[in-house]
Amino acid sequence: VLEHGLPPATLLNVNFPAGGGIKGIKICRQANAK
């Protein structure tokens, strides 16, 4: 983000699973959940 910035009026919501063994990063949409 420091290097590239972000599109106007946009921010990032980043969530981590607990524990090790993370497989990588997925760019996602917000799930329909409540």
All heavy atoms as atom14 arrays in JSON, in Angstrom:
{
  "sequence": "VLEHGLPPATLLNVNFPAGGGIKGIKICRQANAK",
  "atom14_mask": [
    [1, 1, 1, 1, 1, 1, 1, 0, 0, 0, 0, 0, 0, 0],
    [1, 1, 1, 1, 1, 1, 1, 1, 0, 0, 0, 0, 0, 0],
    [1, 1, 1, 1, 1, 1, 1, 1, 1, 0, 0, 0, 0, 0],
    [1, 1, 1, 1, 1, 1, 1, 1, 1, 1, 0, 0, 0, 0],
    [1, 1, 1, 1, 0, 0, 0, 0, 0, 0, 0, 0, 0, 0],
    [1, 1, 1, 1, 1, 1, 1, 1, 0, 0, 0, 0, 0, 0],
    [1, 1, 1, 1, 1, 1, 1, 0, 0, 0, 0, 0, 0, 0],
    [1, 1, 1, 1, 1, 1, 1, 0, 0, 0, 0, 0, 0, 0],
    [1, 1, 1, 1, 1, 0, 0, 0, 0, 0, 0, 0, 0, 0],
    [1, 1, 1, 1, 1, 1, 1, 0, 0, 0, 0, 0, 0, 0],
    [1, 1, 1, 1, 1, 1, 1, 1, 0, 0, 0, 0, 0, 0],
    [1, 1, 1, 1, 1, 1, 1, 1, 0, 0, 0, 0, 0, 0],
    [1, 1, 1, 1, 1, 1, 1, 1, 0, 0, 0, 0, 0, 0],
    [1, 1, 1, 1, 1, 1, 1, 0, 0, 0, 0, 0, 0, 0],
    [1, 1, 1, 1, 1, 1, 1, 1, 0, 0, 0, 0, 0, 0],
    [1, 1, 1, 1, 1, 1, 1, 1, 1, 1, 1, 0, 0, 0],
    [1, 1, 1, 1, 1, 1, 1, 0, 0, 0, 0, 0, 0, 0],
    [1, 1, 1, 1, 1, 0, 0, 0, 0, 0, 0, 0, 0, 0],
    [1, 1, 1, 1, 0, 0, 0, 0, 0, 0, 0, 0, 0, 0],
    [1, 1, 1, 1, 0, 0, 0, 0, 0, 0, 0, 0, 0, 0],
    [1, 1, 1, 1, 0, 0, 0, 0, 0, 0, 0, 0, 0, 0],
    [1, 1, 1, 1, 1, 1, 1, 1, 0, 0, 0, 0, 0, 0],
    [1, 1, 1, 1, 1, 1, 1, 1, 1, 0, 0, 0, 0, 0],
    [1, 1, 1, 1, 0, 0, 0, 0, 0, 0, 0, 0, 0, 0],
    [1, 1, 1, 1, 1, 1, 1, 1, 0, 0, 0, 0, 0, 0],
    [1, 1, 1, 1, 1, 1, 1, 1, 1, 0, 0, 0, 0, 0],
    [1, 1, 1, 1, 1, 1, 1, 1, 0, 0, 0, 0, 0, 0],
    [1, 1, 1, 1, 1, 1, 0, 0, 0, 0, 0, 0, 0, 0],
    [1, 1, 1, 1, 1, 1, 1, 1, 1, 1, 1, 0, 0, 0],
    [1, 1, 1, 1, 1, 1, 1, 1, 1, 0, 0, 0, 0, 0],
    [1, 1, 1, 1, 1, 0, 0, 0, 0, 0, 0, 0, 0, 0],
    [1, 1, 1, 1, 1, 1, 1, 1, 0, 0, 0, 0, 0, 0],
    [1, 1, 1, 1, 1, 0, 0, 0, 0, 0, 0, 0, 0, 0],
    [1, 1, 1, 1, 1, 1, 1, 1, 1, 0, 0, 0, 0, 0]
  ],
  "atom14_positions": [
    [[0.83, -1.2, 0.0], [0.0, 0.0, 0.0], [0.87, 1.26, 0.0], [0.56, 2.23, -0.69], [-0.98, -0.01, 1.19], [-1.71, 1.32, 1.32], [-1.99, -1.15, 1.02], [0.0, 0.0, 0.0], [0.0, 0.0, 0.0], [0.0, 0.0, 0.0], [0.0, 0.0, 0.0], [0.0, 0.0, 0.0], [0.0, 0.0, 0.0], [0.0, 0.0, 0.0]],
    [[1.96, 1.25, 0.75], [2.87, 2.39, 0.73], [3.46, 2.61, -0.66], [3.65, 3.75, -1.09], [3.99, 2.2, 1.75], [3.62, 2.43, 3.21], [4.74, 1.93, 4.12], [3.35, 3.92, 3.49], [0.0, 0.0, 0.0], [0.0, 0.0, 0.0], [0.0, 0.0, 0.0], [0.0, 0.0, 0.0], [0.0, 0.0, 0.0], [0.0, 0.0, 0.0]],
    [[3.74, 1.52, -1.36], [4.34, 1.64, -2.7], [3.32, 2.02, -3.76], [3.58, 2.89, -4.61], [5.0, 0.32, -3.09], [5.66, 0.36, -4.47], [6.36, -0.94, -4.84], [6.43, -1.85, -3.99], [6.83, -1.03, -6.0], [0.0, 0.0, 0.0], [0.0, 0.0, 0.0], [0.0, 0.0, 0.0], [0.0, 0.0, 0.0], [0.0, 0.0, 0.0]],
    [[2.15, 1.38, -3.73], [1.2, 1.52, -4.82], [0.0, 2.42, -4.5], [-0.71, 2.84, -5.41], [0.67, 0.14, -5.24], [1.73, -0.79, -5.7], [2.44, -0.6, -6.87], [2.21, -1.94, -5.15], [3.3, -1.59, -7.03], [3.2, -2.41, -6.0], [0.0, 0.0, 0.0], [0.0, 0.0, 0.0], [0.0, 0.0, 0.0], [0.0, 0.0, 0.0]],
    [[-0.23, 2.69, -3.2], [-1.44, 3.4, -2.83], [-2.66, 2.5, -3.0], [-2.54, 1.28, -3.21], [0.0, 0.0, 0.0], [0.0, 0.0, 0.0], [0.0, 0.0, 0.0], [0.0, 0.0, 0.0], [0.0, 0.0, 0.0], [0.0, 0.0, 0.0], [0.0, 0.0, 0.0], [0.0, 0.0, 0.0], [0.0, 0.0, 0.0], [0.0, 0.0, 0.0]],
    [[-3.84, 3.09, -2.91], [-5.09, 2.36, -3.09], [-6.0, 3.17, -4.01], [-5.86, 4.39, -4.11], [-5.79, 2.14, -1.74], [-5.15, 1.1, -0.81], [-5.78, 1.18, 0.59], [-5.31, -0.31, -1.38], [0.0, 0.0, 0.0], [0.0, 0.0, 0.0], [0.0, 0.0, 0.0], [0.0, 0.0, 0.0], [0.0, 0.0, 0.0], [0.0, 0.0, 0.0]],
    [[-6.94, 2.51, -4.68], [-7.91, 3.27, -5.47], [-8.64, 4.29, -4.61], [-8.8, 4.08, -3.4], [-8.87, 2.18, -5.98], [-8.06, 0.92, -5.97], [-7.15, 1.05, -4.77], [0.0, 0.0, 0.0], [0.0, 0.0, 0.0], [0.0, 0.0, 0.0], [0.0, 0.0, 0.0], [0.0, 0.0, 0.0], [0.0, 0.0, 0.0], [0.0, 0.0, 0.0]],
    [[-9.1, 5.39, -5.2], [-9.78, 6.42, -4.42], [-10.96, 5.87, -3.63], [-11.68, 4.98, -4.1], [-10.25, 7.42, -5.5], [-9.32, 7.21, -6.64], [-8.98, 5.76, -6.63], [0.0, 0.0, 0.0], [0.0, 0.0, 0.0], [0.0, 0.0, 0.0], [0.0, 0.0, 0.0], [0.0, 0.0, 0.0], [0.0, 0.0, 0.0], [0.0, 0.0, 0.0]],
    [[-11.13, 6.38, -2.4], [-12.26, 6.03, -1.53], [-12.32, 4.53, -1.22], [-13.39, 3.98, -1.01], [-13.57, 6.5, -2.15], [0.0, 0.0, 0.0], [0.0, 0.0, 0.0], [0.0, 0.0, 0.0], [0.0, 0.0, 0.0], [0.0, 0.0, 0.0], [0.0, 0.0, 0.0], [0.0, 0.0, 0.0], [0.0, 0.0, 0.0], [0.0, 0.0, 0.0]],
    [[-11.16, 3.89, -1.17], [-11.08, 2.45, -0.93], [-10.09, 2.18, 0.18], [-9.07, 2.85, 0.31], [-10.64, 1.71, -2.2], [-11.53, 2.03, -3.28], [-10.63, 0.2, -2.0], [0.0, 0.0, 0.0], [0.0, 0.0, 0.0], [0.0, 0.0, 0.0], [0.0, 0.0, 0.0], [0.0, 0.0, 0.0], [0.0, 0.0, 0.0], [0.0, 0.0, 0.0]],
    [[-10.38, 1.17, 1.0], [-9.45, 0.69, 2.01], [-9.46, -0.83, 2.02], [-10.25, -1.44, 1.27], [-9.83, 1.23, 3.39], [-11.2, 0.8, 3.94], [-11.15, 0.68, 5.46], [-12.27, 1.85, 3.56], [0.0, 0.0, 0.0], [0.0, 0.0, 0.0], [0.0, 0.0, 0.0], [0.0, 0.0, 0.0], [0.0, 0.0, 0.0], [0.0, 0.0, 0.0]],
    [[-8.62, -1.44, 2.83], [-8.54, -2.9, 2.87], [-9.0, -3.43, 4.22], [-8.61, -2.91, 5.27], [-7.1, -3.36, 2.61], [-6.47, -2.97, 1.28], [-5.07, -3.56, 1.16], [-7.34, -3.4, 0.09], [0.0, 0.0, 0.0], [0.0, 0.0, 0.0], [0.0, 0.0, 0.0], [0.0, 0.0, 0.0], [0.0, 0.0, 0.0], [0.0, 0.0, 0.0]],
    [[-9.81, -4.49, 4.18], [-10.22, -5.23, 5.36], [-9.5, -6.57, 5.33], [-9.8, -7.42, 4.49], [-11.73, -5.43, 5.37], [-12.2, -6.18, 6.61], [-11.49, -6.27, 7.6], [-13.42, -6.7, 6.56], [0.0, 0.0, 0.0], [0.0, 0.0, 0.0], [0.0, 0.0, 0.0], [0.0, 0.0, 0.0], [0.0, 0.0, 0.0], [0.0, 0.0, 0.0]],
    [[-8.55, -6.75, 6.24], [-7.69, -7.94, 6.25], [-8.0, -8.77, 7.5], [-7.99, -8.25, 8.62], [-6.2, -7.54, 6.25], [-5.32, -8.79, 6.29], [-5.88, -6.68, 5.03], [0.0, 0.0, 0.0], [0.0, 0.0, 0.0], [0.0, 0.0, 0.0], [0.0, 0.0, 0.0], [0.0, 0.0, 0.0], [0.0, 0.0, 0.0], [0.0, 0.0, 0.0]],
    [[-8.29, -10.06, 7.29], [-8.58, -10.97, 8.4], [-7.65, -12.18, 8.34], [-7.4, -12.73, 7.27], [-10.03, -11.42, 8.35], [-10.98, -10.35, 8.83], [-11.27, -10.23, 10.0], [-11.48, -9.54, 7.89], [0.0, 0.0, 0.0], [0.0, 0.0, 0.0], [0.0, 0.0, 0.0], [0.0, 0.0, 0.0], [0.0, 0.0, 0.0], [0.0, 0.0, 0.0]],
    [[-7.16, -12.57, 9.53], [-6.24, -13.7, 9.65], [-6.91, -14.87, 10.35], [-7.55, -14.68, 11.39], [-5.01, -13.31, 10.48], [-4.21, -12.17, 9.93], [-4.33, -10.9, 10.48], [-3.34, -12.36, 8.87], [-3.58, -9.84, 9.99], [-2.59, -11.31, 8.37], [-2.71, -10.04, 8.93], [0.0, 0.0, 0.0], [0.0, 0.0, 0.0], [0.0, 0.0, 0.0]],
    [[-6.74, -16.1, 9.82], [-7.15, -17.26, 10.6], [-6.2, -17.45, 11.78], [-5.06, -16.97, 11.75], [-7.03, -18.42, 9.61], [-6.03, -17.95, 8.6], [-6.14, -16.45, 8.53], [0.0, 0.0, 0.0], [0.0, 0.0, 0.0], [0.0, 0.0, 0.0], [0.0, 0.0, 0.0], [0.0, 0.0, 0.0], [0.0, 0.0, 0.0], [0.0, 0.0, 0.0]],
    [[-6.68, -18.1, 12.81], [-5.82, -18.38, 13.97], [-4.84, -19.49, 13.64], [-5.09, -20.35, 12.8], [-6.68, -18.77, 15.17], [0.0, 0.0, 0.0], [0.0, 0.0, 0.0], [0.0, 0.0, 0.0], [0.0, 0.0, 0.0], [0.0, 0.0, 0.0], [0.0, 0.0, 0.0], [0.0, 0.0, 0.0], [0.0, 0.0, 0.0], [0.0, 0.0, 0.0]],
    [[-3.69, -19.47, 14.31], [-2.72, -20.55, 14.18], [-1.84, -20.4, 12.95], [-2.02, -19.52, 12.11], [0.0, 0.0, 0.0], [0.0, 0.0, 0.0], [0.0, 0.0, 0.0], [0.0, 0.0, 0.0], [0.0, 0.0, 0.0], [0.0, 0.0, 0.0], [0.0, 0.0, 0.0], [0.0, 0.0, 0.0], [0.0, 0.0, 0.0], [0.0, 0.0, 0.0]],
    [[-0.84, -21.27, 12.87], [0.1, -21.24, 11.75], [-0.46, -21.96, 10.54], [-1.64, -22.28, 10.45], [0.0, 0.0, 0.0], [0.0, 0.0, 0.0], [0.0, 0.0, 0.0], [0.0, 0.0, 0.0], [0.0, 0.0, 0.0], [0.0, 0.0, 0.0], [0.0, 0.0, 0.0], [0.0, 0.0, 0.0], [0.0, 0.0, 0.0], [0.0, 0.0, 0.0]],
    [[0.41, -22.22, 9.57], [0.03, -22.96, 8.38], [-0.81, -22.19, 7.39], [-1.59, -22.79, 6.63], [0.0, 0.0, 0.0], [0.0, 0.0, 0.0], [0.0, 0.0, 0.0], [0.0, 0.0, 0.0], [0.0, 0.0, 0.0], [0.0, 0.0, 0.0], [0.0, 0.0, 0.0], [0.0, 0.0, 0.0], [0.0, 0.0, 0.0], [0.0, 0.0, 0.0]],
    [[-0.71, -20.85, 7.38], [-1.47, -20.06, 6.42], [-0.98, -20.37, 5.0], [0.21, -20.43, 4.73], [-1.33, -18.56, 6.74], [-2.07, -18.24, 8.04], [-1.88, -17.71, 5.6], [-1.94, -16.8, 8.47], [0.0, 0.0, 0.0], [0.0, 0.0, 0.0], [0.0, 0.0, 0.0], [0.0, 0.0, 0.0], [0.0, 0.0, 0.0], [0.0, 0.0, 0.0]],
    [[-1.94, -20.55, 4.08], [-1.62, -20.95, 2.72], [-1.26, -19.78, 1.82], [-0.69, -19.97, 0.74], [-2.81, -21.71, 2.12], [-3.15, -23.0, 2.85], [-4.4, -23.64, 2.25], [-4.81, -24.89, 2.98], [-6.07, -25.48, 2.45], [0.0, 0.0, 0.0], [0.0, 0.0, 0.0], [0.0, 0.0, 0.0], [0.0, 0.0, 0.0], [0.0, 0.0, 0.0]],
    [[-1.64, -18.57, 2.23], [-1.37, -17.41, 1.4], [-2.44, -16.36, 1.56], [-3.2, -16.37, 2.53], [0.0, 0.0, 0.0], [0.0, 0.0, 0.0], [0.0, 0.0, 0.0], [0.0, 0.0, 0.0], [0.0, 0.0, 0.0], [0.0, 0.0, 0.0], [0.0, 0.0, 0.0], [0.0, 0.0, 0.0], [0.0, 0.0, 0.0], [0.0, 0.0, 0.0]],
    [[-2.5, -15.45, 0.59], [-3.44, -14.33, 0.61], [-4.49, -14.52, -0.48], [-4.15, -14.9, -1.6], [-2.7, -12.99, 0.4], [-1.78, -12.68, 1.58], [-3.68, -11.85, 0.16], [-0.9, -11.47, 1.37], [0.0, 0.0, 0.0], [0.0, 0.0, 0.0], [0.0, 0.0, 0.0], [0.0, 0.0, 0.0], [0.0, 0.0, 0.0], [0.0, 0.0, 0.0]],
    [[-5.75, -14.28, -0.15], [-6.83, -14.3, -1.12], [-7.51, -12.92, -1.17], [-7.91, -12.4, -0.13], [-7.89, -15.34, -0.75], [-7.46, -16.78, -0.95], [-7.51, -17.18, -2.4], [-7.26, -18.68, -2.56], [-7.21, -19.08, -4.0], [0.0, 0.0, 0.0], [0.0, 0.0, 0.0], [0.0, 0.0, 0.0], [0.0, 0.0, 0.0], [0.0, 0.0, 0.0]],
    [[-7.59, -12.35, -2.35], [-8.39, -11.15, -2.54], [-9.84, -11.6, -2.71], [-10.14, -12.42, -3.59], [-7.93, -10.34, -3.77], [-6.41, -10.11, -3.7], [-8.69, -9.03, -3.86], [-5.95, -9.36, -2.48], [0.0, 0.0, 0.0], [0.0, 0.0, 0.0], [0.0, 0.0, 0.0], [0.0, 0.0, 0.0], [0.0, 0.0, 0.0], [0.0, 0.0, 0.0]],
    [[-10.72, -11.08, -1.87], [-12.07, -11.65, -1.74], [-13.13, -10.57, -1.84], [-12.86, -9.38, -1.79], [-12.23, -12.33, -0.37], [-10.94, -13.47, 0.08], [0.0, 0.0, 0.0], [0.0, 0.0, 0.0], [0.0, 0.0, 0.0], [0.0, 0.0, 0.0], [0.0, 0.0, 0.0], [0.0, 0.0, 0.0], [0.0, 0.0, 0.0], [0.0, 0.0, 0.0]],
    [[-14.37, -11.06, -1.91], [-15.52, -10.21, -1.67], [-16.07, -10.53, -0.28], [-15.78, -11.58, 0.29], [-16.61, -10.41, -2.72], [-17.22, -11.82, -2.76], [-18.32, -11.91, -3.79], [-18.82, -13.28, -3.9], [-19.76, -13.81, -3.12], [-20.32, -13.09, -2.15], [-20.14, -15.06, -3.3], [0.0, 0.0, 0.0], [0.0, 0.0, 0.0], [0.0, 0.0, 0.0]],
    [[-16.88, -9.63, 0.24], [-17.52, -9.82, 1.53], [-18.6, -10.89, 1.41], [-19.46, -10.81, 0.52], [-18.13, -8.49, 1.97], [-18.91, -8.54, 3.27], [-19.5, -7.17, 3.6], [-18.8, -6.16, 3.51], [-20.77, -7.13, 3.95], [0.0, 0.0, 0.0], [0.0, 0.0, 0.0], [0.0, 0.0, 0.0], [0.0, 0.0, 0.0], [0.0, 0.0, 0.0]],
    [[-18.58, -11.88, 2.28], [-19.58, -12.94, 2.24], [-20.94, -12.43, 2.67], [-21.07, -11.51, 3.48], [-19.16, -14.09, 3.14], [0.0, 0.0, 0.0], [0.0, 0.0, 0.0], [0.0, 0.0, 0.0], [0.0, 0.0, 0.0], [0.0, 0.0, 0.0], [0.0, 0.0, 0.0], [0.0, 0.0, 0.0], [0.0, 0.0, 0.0], [0.0, 0.0, 0.0]],
    [[-21.98, -13.06, 2.13], [-23.36, -12.8, 2.56], [-23.61, -13.64, 3.81], [-24.02, -14.79, 3.75], [-24.34, -13.16, 1.45], [-25.79, -13.0, 1.88], [-26.08, -12.34, 2.88], [-26.7, -13.61, 1.14], [0.0, 0.0, 0.0], [0.0, 0.0, 0.0], [0.0, 0.0, 0.0], [0.0, 0.0, 0.0], [0.0, 0.0, 0.0], [0.0, 0.0, 0.0]],
    [[-23.32, -13.05, 4.95], [-23.47, -13.75, 6.24], [-23.92, -12.73, 7.28], [-23.72, -11.52, 7.11], [-22.16, -14.41, 6.65], [0.0, 0.0, 0.0], [0.0, 0.0, 0.0], [0.0, 0.0, 0.0], [0.0, 0.0, 0.0], [0.0, 0.0, 0.0], [0.0, 0.0, 0.0], [0.0, 0.0, 0.0], [0.0, 0.0, 0.0], [0.0, 0.0, 0.0]],
    [[-24.53, -13.21, 8.34], [-25.03, -12.29, 9.37], [-25.15, -13.02, 10.69], [-25.06, -14.25, 10.76], [-26.4, -11.72, 8.98], [-27.51, -12.76, 8.95], [-28.84, -12.16, 8.53], [-29.42, -11.25, 9.59], [-29.88, -11.96, 10.8], [0.0, 0.0, 0.0], [0.0, 0.0, 0.0], [0.0, 0.0, 0.0], [0.0, 0.0, 0.0], [0.0, 0.0, 0.0]]
  ]
}
